[in-house]
Amino acid sequence: MAPRANWKGFLKVAELSCPVGLYTAASTSDRISFHTINRATGNRIRREFVDAETGKLVERDDQVKGYELSEGEHVVLEPEEIAAAIPESDKVLAVAAFLPCAEIDDVYFDKPYYLAPASRPGQEAFTLIRDALAAGKVAAIARTVLFRRMRSLLIRPHGQGLLATTLNFDYEVRSAEAAFKDIAAVRIEPEMLDLARHIIQTKTGTFDPAAFDDRYEAALEELVKAKSEGRKLPARRAPKREKVVDLMRALRESAKAGKAKRAPAPKRKAG
């Protein structure tokens, strides 16, 4: 069964346009999810909205959005007022600029989508845009109303199609200064740096996403299976506590371990 597009519209570069569809590139729908259960009856628990002061149930028609101005004081917004404030969607993914692929900081990346032609007649124009981006080694910045919000997207070639990544707004990205302000200036000895480079070289590889398993998800699956079969899981071992060791000694031991792993097996003598 072909995937269903999350959004359909037109990709527009100057006067060139083609019909396209956005498809989810990453999803958490396959993760294990839980219901909240009443331990006494085994029945599912239903979530209801109650008035914080009176404790009485509030019906859906009486629930409205409110923005807090000060404690206990809100501006109430009716659904039609919010709907009127949302920008009109013209279903056009209009490219505003082109820039080198590596120019945007990854911290601005939000969610990836696959961008593909929505009809056969538009495939030629789509292919032209894709190949032109690849040949120029550039990405396109485009804007459109997506899921009721104006969004900016970074569009890059990806296999036979395009990858469109929604971007965080500047006000959503926090400054790194607060996180890094307590990092002290430390002088690293040249020998330490050489050893660290050597360790990196011995562990250099390629990215294989299939090699990284979700241990938490696997543990939950095993727990659910064991409980449903009436089995008990073995007690989990306490995590090993890492000892604080001399940094130079740790680097040298790591370098030796890397050499031992890379050493070729001795050849057998012909008998």
Protein backbone atom coordinates (compact mmCIF):
# COMPACT_ATOMS: atom_id res chain seq x y z
CA MET A 1 0.00 0.00 0.00
CA ALA A 2 1.43 3.37 -1.05
CA PRO A 3 2.04 5.85 1.79
CA ARG A 4 -0.41 8.70 2.19
CA ALA A 5 0.87 12.24 1.76
CA ASN A 6 0.67 14.48 4.84
CA TRP A 7 0.42 17.54 2.61
CA LYS A 8 -0.03 18.19 -1.10
CA GLY A 9 0.72 21.38 -3.01
CA PHE A 10 3.18 22.88 -5.49
CA LEU A 11 6.94 23.30 -5.31
CA LYS A 12 7.68 26.64 -7.01
CA VAL A 13 11.08 27.97 -8.15
CA ALA A 14 10.64 31.31 -9.94
CA GLU A 15 8.17 30.50 -12.75
CA LEU A 16 8.84 26.76 -12.62
CA SER A 17 6.42 24.67 -10.52
CA CYS A 18 5.38 21.06 -10.05
CA PRO A 19 2.80 19.25 -7.89
CA VAL A 20 4.39 17.56 -4.87
CA GLY A 21 3.47 15.63 -1.75
CA LEU A 22 5.11 15.59 1.68
CA TYR A 23 5.53 12.19 3.32
CA THR A 24 6.58 11.43 6.89
CA ALA A 25 10.26 10.46 6.97
CA ALA A 26 10.54 9.61 10.69
CA SER A 27 7.77 8.41 12.99
CA THR A 28 7.37 7.12 16.54
CA SER A 29 4.11 5.27 15.76
CA ASP A 30 5.81 1.86 15.99
CA ARG A 31 6.97 2.43 19.56
CA ILE A 32 5.21 0.55 22.36
CA SER A 33 2.43 2.66 23.85
CA PHE A 34 0.53 2.14 27.09
CA HIS A 35 -2.98 2.81 28.35
CA THR A 36 -3.63 3.95 31.90
CA ILE A 37 -5.53 1.22 33.74
CA ASN A 38 -7.52 1.09 36.97
CA ARG A 39 -5.54 -1.44 39.01
CA ALA A 40 -8.69 -2.50 40.96
CA THR A 41 -10.97 -3.20 37.95
CA GLY A 42 -8.59 -3.62 35.02
CA ASN A 43 -10.59 -1.03 33.06
CA ARG A 44 -9.08 1.84 31.10
CA ILE A 45 -9.12 5.26 32.75
CA ARG A 46 -10.75 8.13 30.87
CA ARG A 47 -9.26 11.60 31.10
CA GLU A 48 -11.73 14.42 31.83
CA PHE A 49 -11.38 18.19 32.18
CA VAL A 50 -12.58 19.75 35.42
CA ASP A 51 -12.72 23.31 36.71
CA ALA A 52 -9.61 23.94 38.82
CA GLU A 53 -11.61 25.87 41.45
CA THR A 54 -15.03 24.16 41.56
CA GLY A 55 -13.88 20.65 40.65
CA LYS A 56 -16.89 20.28 38.34
CA LEU A 57 -16.69 18.61 34.94
CA VAL A 58 -16.43 21.10 32.03
CA GLU A 59 -18.20 20.06 28.82
CA ARG A 60 -16.32 20.29 25.52
CA ASP A 61 -18.46 23.21 24.26
CA ASP A 62 -17.48 25.25 27.32
CA GLN A 63 -13.73 24.70 26.86
CA VAL A 64 -11.87 27.61 25.24
CA LYS A 65 -8.24 28.65 24.85
CA GLY A 66 -6.82 31.26 27.19
CA TYR A 67 -3.51 33.13 27.39
CA GLU A 68 -2.38 34.01 30.91
CA LEU A 69 -1.55 37.71 31.34
CA SER A 70 -0.94 37.41 35.07
CA GLU A 71 -1.78 34.86 37.73
CA GLY A 72 -5.48 34.05 37.40
CA GLU A 73 -6.06 36.59 34.60
CA HIS A 74 -6.48 35.28 31.04
CA VAL A 75 -7.34 36.56 27.61
CA VAL A 76 -9.99 34.17 26.28
CA LEU A 77 -9.73 33.25 22.59
CA GLU A 78 -12.70 31.77 20.76
CA PRO A 79 -12.07 29.01 18.15
CA GLU A 80 -13.20 31.25 15.29
CA GLU A 81 -10.83 34.02 16.43
CA ILE A 82 -7.87 31.63 16.39
CA ALA A 83 -8.92 30.25 12.99
CA ALA A 84 -9.10 33.79 11.56
CA ALA A 85 -5.57 34.56 12.80
CA ILE A 86 -4.00 31.53 11.04
CA PRO A 87 -2.45 32.45 7.67
CA GLU A 88 -4.35 31.28 4.60
CA SER A 89 -2.73 28.28 2.94
CA ASP A 90 -2.04 28.75 -0.77
CA LYS A 91 -0.57 25.23 -1.01
CA VAL A 92 2.59 26.64 -2.60
CA LEU A 93 6.06 25.70 -1.35
CA ALA A 94 7.74 28.82 -2.68
CA VAL A 95 11.55 28.76 -2.82
CA ALA A 96 12.94 32.04 -1.50
CA ALA A 97 16.70 31.38 -1.72
CA PHE A 98 19.46 28.84 -2.34
CA LEU A 99 22.43 28.29 -0.04
CA PRO A 100 25.27 25.78 0.51
CA CYS A 101 23.99 22.57 2.14
CA ALA A 102 26.21 22.96 5.21
CA GLU A 103 25.38 26.61 5.91
CA ILE A 104 22.44 26.04 8.27
CA ASP A 105 23.29 24.98 11.83
CA ASP A 106 21.78 21.54 12.63
CA VAL A 107 20.23 22.97 15.80
CA TYR A 108 17.60 24.59 13.57
CA PHE A 109 16.50 21.24 12.08
CA ASP A 110 13.04 20.19 13.26
CA LYS A 111 11.33 17.31 11.40
CA PRO A 112 12.23 15.59 8.10
CA TYR A 113 9.76 14.82 5.30
CA TYR A 114 10.21 13.14 1.94
CA LEU A 115 9.16 15.38 -0.94
CA ALA A 116 8.03 13.54 -4.08
CA PRO A 117 6.12 14.35 -7.29
CA ALA A 118 2.35 14.15 -6.85
CA SER A 119 1.60 13.41 -10.51
CA ARG A 120 3.36 12.01 -13.60
CA PRO A 121 3.11 15.23 -15.66
CA GLY A 122 5.08 17.08 -12.97
CA GLN A 123 7.96 14.60 -12.76
CA GLU A 124 10.10 16.31 -15.40
CA ALA A 125 10.05 19.65 -13.57
CA PHE A 126 10.62 17.88 -10.24
CA THR A 127 13.64 15.99 -11.64
CA LEU A 128 15.06 19.21 -13.07
CA ILE A 129 14.85 20.94 -9.67
CA ARG A 130 16.34 17.92 -7.87
CA ASP A 131 19.25 17.54 -10.29
CA ALA A 132 19.96 21.28 -10.34
CA LEU A 133 20.23 21.32 -6.53
CA ALA A 134 22.55 18.29 -6.61
CA ALA A 135 24.73 19.74 -9.37
CA GLY A 136 25.07 23.06 -7.55
CA LYS A 137 25.56 21.34 -4.15
CA VAL A 138 23.01 23.70 -2.69
CA ALA A 139 19.79 23.50 -0.68
CA ALA A 140 16.61 25.53 -1.16
CA ILE A 141 14.83 27.51 1.53
CA ALA A 142 11.07 27.57 1.02
CA ARG A 143 8.07 28.74 3.02
CA THR A 144 4.46 27.63 3.17
CA VAL A 145 1.57 27.15 5.58
CA LEU A 146 2.02 23.63 6.88
CA PHE A 147 -0.38 22.11 9.40
CA ARG A 148 -1.94 25.52 10.12
CA ARG A 149 1.41 27.26 10.75
CA MET A 150 3.75 29.23 8.52
CA ARG A 151 6.88 27.10 8.27
CA SER A 152 10.30 27.38 6.66
CA LEU A 153 11.74 24.24 5.07
CA LEU A 154 15.21 23.28 3.94
CA ILE A 155 14.98 21.22 0.73
CA ARG A 156 17.87 18.98 -0.35
CA PRO A 157 18.35 16.18 -2.90
CA HIS A 158 17.81 12.74 -1.37
CA GLY A 159 18.11 9.68 -3.59
CA GLN A 160 15.46 9.84 -6.30
CA GLY A 161 13.54 12.54 -4.47
CA LEU A 162 13.98 15.48 -2.11
CA LEU A 163 14.25 15.78 1.66
CA ALA A 164 12.32 18.71 3.15
CA THR A 165 13.22 19.48 6.76
CA THR A 166 11.09 21.92 8.72
CA LEU A 167 13.21 24.50 10.54
CA ASN A 168 12.86 25.82 14.05
CA PHE A 169 12.25 29.55 14.31
CA ASP A 170 15.04 31.67 15.75
CA TYR A 171 13.08 32.36 18.95
CA GLU A 172 12.70 28.57 19.50
CA VAL A 173 16.46 27.90 19.45
CA ARG A 174 18.15 28.56 22.77
CA SER A 175 21.60 30.08 22.97
CA ALA A 176 24.47 27.65 23.56
CA GLU A 177 26.19 30.17 25.83
CA ALA A 178 24.11 29.26 28.88
CA ALA A 179 24.90 25.56 28.47
CA PHE A 180 28.62 26.09 27.82
CA LYS A 181 29.38 29.04 30.13
CA ASP A 182 30.91 26.89 32.92
CA ILE A 183 33.32 25.02 30.64
CA ALA A 184 36.78 26.06 31.76
CA ALA A 185 39.72 26.74 29.44
CA VAL A 186 41.98 23.68 29.71
CA ARG A 187 45.37 23.21 28.04
CA ILE A 188 45.72 19.74 26.50
CA GLU A 189 49.22 18.27 26.20
CA PRO A 190 50.28 17.45 22.60
CA GLU A 191 50.88 13.78 23.54
CA MET A 192 47.32 13.48 24.83
CA LEU A 193 45.94 14.98 21.62
CA ASP A 194 48.03 12.58 19.52
CA LEU A 195 46.73 9.60 21.49
CA ALA A 196 43.15 10.84 21.16
CA ARG A 197 43.60 11.20 17.37
CA HIS A 198 44.96 7.66 17.22
CA ILE A 199 41.94 6.29 19.12
CA ILE A 200 39.60 8.11 16.74
CA GLN A 201 41.43 6.64 13.72
CA THR A 202 41.18 3.08 15.09
CA LYS A 203 37.43 3.48 15.62
CA THR A 204 36.62 5.30 12.37
CA GLY A 205 33.73 3.65 10.53
CA THR A 206 30.57 4.37 8.56
CA PHE A 207 27.11 5.29 9.81
CA ASP A 208 24.74 2.31 9.81
CA PRO A 209 21.45 3.25 11.55
CA ALA A 210 20.44 -0.43 11.71
CA ALA A 211 23.43 -1.09 14.00
CA PHE A 212 22.00 1.12 16.75
CA ASP A 213 19.22 -0.72 18.56
CA ASP A 214 16.63 0.89 20.82
CA ARG A 215 17.44 -0.95 24.05
CA TYR A 216 14.59 0.67 25.96
CA GLU A 217 12.01 -0.38 23.36
CA ALA A 218 13.47 -3.92 23.18
CA ALA A 219 13.36 -4.20 26.99
CA LEU A 220 9.71 -3.09 27.04
CA GLU A 221 8.80 -5.63 24.34
CA GLU A 222 10.48 -8.42 26.32
CA LEU A 223 8.75 -7.29 29.53
CA VAL A 224 5.29 -7.27 27.87
CA LYS A 225 5.94 -10.70 26.34
CA ALA A 226 7.18 -12.17 29.62
CA LYS A 227 4.23 -10.80 31.62
CA SER A 228 1.71 -12.08 29.04
CA GLU A 229 3.32 -15.55 29.22
CA GLY A 230 3.48 -15.57 33.02
CA ARG A 231 7.29 -15.46 33.10
CA LYS A 232 9.54 -13.36 35.27
CA LEU A 233 12.48 -11.50 33.82
CA PRO A 234 15.88 -12.00 35.49
CA ALA A 235 16.87 -9.24 37.90
CA ARG A 236 18.69 -6.42 36.18
CA ARG A 237 22.31 -5.98 37.08
CA ALA A 238 23.36 -2.67 38.58
CA PRO A 239 25.31 -0.55 36.09
CA LYS A 240 29.08 -0.75 36.46
CA ARG A 241 30.50 2.32 38.16
CA GLU A 242 33.29 3.89 36.18
CA LYS A 243 36.36 4.75 38.23
CA VAL A 244 38.02 8.11 37.81
CA VAL A 245 41.45 7.30 36.42
CA ASP A 246 44.45 9.24 35.21
CA LEU A 247 43.58 10.72 31.81
CA MET A 248 46.96 9.92 30.19
CA ARG A 249 46.82 6.33 31.45
CA ALA A 250 43.28 5.91 30.11
CA LEU A 251 44.33 7.23 26.70
CA ARG A 252 47.33 4.88 26.52
CA GLU A 253 45.24 1.85 27.51
CA SER A 254 42.59 2.77 24.94
CA ALA A 255 45.25 3.13 22.24
CA LYS A 256 46.72 -0.30 23.13
CA ALA A 257 43.26 -1.90 22.99
CA GLY A 258 42.68 -0.35 19.56
CA LYS A 259 46.01 -1.73 18.26
CA ALA A 260 45.22 -5.21 19.58
CA LYS A 261 41.86 -5.27 17.76
CA ARG A 262 43.39 -4.14 14.47
CA ALA A 263 46.40 -6.50 14.58
CA PRO A 264 46.20 -9.08 11.75
CA ALA A 265 45.91 -12.76 12.66
CA PRO A 266 49.22 -14.67 12.35
CA LYS A 267 49.53 -16.80 9.23
CA ARG A 268 49.66 -20.55 9.69
CA LYS A 269 52.75 -22.37 8.50
CA ALA A 270 52.19 -24.87 5.75
CA GLY A 271 52.53 -28.38 7.21
